[in-house]
Every structure is written in structure tokens, then in C-alpha cells.
Protein backbone atom coordinates (compact mmCIF):
# COMPACT_ATOMS: atom_id res chain seq x y z
CA MET A 1 112.42 142.78 140.80
CA HIS A 2 113.95 140.83 137.93
CA ASN A 3 115.69 141.91 134.78
CA GLU A 4 114.08 141.15 131.46
CA GLY A 5 114.51 137.46 130.59
CA GLU A 6 114.90 136.33 134.22
CA TYR A 7 112.28 134.11 135.81
CA ASP A 8 111.64 132.56 139.22
CA VAL A 9 111.65 128.76 139.27
CA ARG A 10 110.08 126.94 142.21
CA PHE A 11 111.04 123.37 142.91
CA LEU A 12 108.93 120.65 144.52
CA ASP A 13 110.83 120.99 147.80
CA GLY A 14 109.76 124.65 147.97
CA SER A 15 113.11 126.18 147.09
CA ARG A 16 113.34 128.91 144.47
CA THR A 17 115.93 130.22 142.09
CA THR A 18 116.16 132.80 139.36
CA VAL A 19 117.15 131.64 135.89
CA LEU A 20 117.72 133.23 132.54
CA ALA A 21 115.15 132.09 130.01
CA LEU A 22 116.62 130.97 126.73
CA VAL A 23 113.10 130.65 125.34
CA ASP A 24 113.12 134.43 124.87
CA ILE A 25 115.30 133.83 121.84
CA GLY A 26 112.11 133.23 119.91
CA ALA A 27 110.78 130.52 117.68
CA GLY A 28 112.09 132.25 114.55
CA PHE A 29 115.68 131.90 115.64
CA ILE A 30 115.19 128.24 116.44
CA VAL A 31 113.62 127.61 113.02
CA VAL A 32 116.55 129.35 111.31
CA LEU A 33 119.05 127.39 113.40
CA VAL A 34 117.37 124.06 112.56
CA GLY A 35 117.34 125.05 108.88
CA ILE A 36 121.06 125.80 108.91
CA VAL A 37 121.82 122.47 110.58
CA MET A 38 119.69 120.59 108.05
CA LEU A 39 121.40 122.40 105.16
CA ALA A 40 124.83 121.52 106.52
CA VAL A 41 123.91 117.87 107.02
CA GLY A 42 122.44 117.68 103.51
CA ASN A 43 125.59 119.19 101.97
CA ILE A 44 127.81 116.75 103.86
CA ARG A 45 125.71 113.77 102.76
CA ARG A 46 125.62 114.90 99.11
CA GLY A 47 129.40 115.36 99.21
CA ARG A 48 129.87 111.80 100.45
CA VAL A 49 127.62 110.44 97.70
CA ARG A 50 129.55 112.38 95.05
CA LYS A 51 132.85 111.04 96.41
CA ARG A 52 131.54 107.46 96.24
CA GLU A 53 130.31 108.01 92.67
CA TRP A 54 133.62 109.57 91.67
CA ARG A 55 135.60 106.72 93.21
CA ALA A 56 133.37 104.14 91.53
CA SER A 57 133.88 105.75 88.13
CA ALA A 58 137.57 106.56 88.60
CA GLY A 59 138.71 103.42 86.81
CA LYS A 60 136.21 103.83 83.96
CA SER A 61 136.80 105.90 80.86
CA ARG A 62 134.81 109.12 80.88
CA ILE A 63 133.64 109.93 77.37
CA PRO A 64 131.87 113.26 77.01
CA PRO A 65 128.32 113.15 75.67
CA ALA A 66 127.50 114.19 72.12
CA ASP A 67 127.45 117.99 71.89
CA TRP A 68 129.18 121.04 70.43
CA TYR A 69 132.64 121.63 71.93
CA ARG A 70 135.59 123.95 71.32
CA ASP A 71 137.34 122.71 68.19
CA PRO A 72 140.57 120.92 69.24
CA SER A 73 142.16 121.60 65.83
CA ALA A 74 141.33 125.34 66.16
CA ILE A 75 140.08 125.48 62.56
CA ALA A 76 136.63 126.58 63.74
CA ARG A 77 135.32 127.86 67.05
CA LEU A 78 133.10 124.82 67.63
CA ARG A 79 133.12 121.24 66.37
CA TYR A 80 130.47 118.57 66.94
CA TRP A 81 131.43 115.52 69.01
CA ASP A 82 129.05 112.63 68.28
CA GLY A 83 129.89 110.76 71.47
CA SER A 84 132.65 108.67 69.97
CA GLN A 85 134.52 110.88 67.48
CA TRP A 86 134.80 114.40 66.08
CA THR A 87 132.62 115.07 63.04
CA ASP A 88 133.14 117.37 60.06
CA TYR A 89 130.40 119.69 61.34
CA THR A 90 131.79 123.00 62.56
CA ALA A 91 130.43 126.39 63.58
CA ASN A 92 132.17 129.75 63.71
């Protein structure tokens, strides 16, 4: 009589042994485990790419794109940056 998850294994020479079956874990667990590993590997690879991009651009000037930003002179709440200089356009 065997406990649940134990199986008899017979070898070619006729000998036998009892083993615990790890396959009882189930396919769902294996799928989740593979998913976690793939997620971790993807995050590591993306992090390396970002580091390379950051290092490549470290010596270059980073100019923010044209958009509304907090007014540096504090006259208004927002001021429009045209990509090269502050404009007279403001918003409260």
C-alpha cells in the first residue's frame, strides 16, 4: 500500500523502487511557474536595454518636448514650452 503521490518504478533489470511523483503538482502550476520565469527574464532584458539607452543618451542634452508645464516663474500655474523656449501662453 502506497501513500498518495507514491508510485512503483520497475527497472529493466527487474528491480523496483517507490518514488514520489512530482507530476502530481499539476500542469497549472507548471504553466504559472513558466509564466513567472518568462516575466522575470523579460523584465531583466528590458532593464538592460533601458540602461544602454540611458548611457547612450547621458552625454546628450535632454530637451523636454513641447507641452504645458508648471510655470517656472510662478506667475501662472502652467506655461507652454514650445520645445526650445518658454512662450507667453499661460493657463491658470
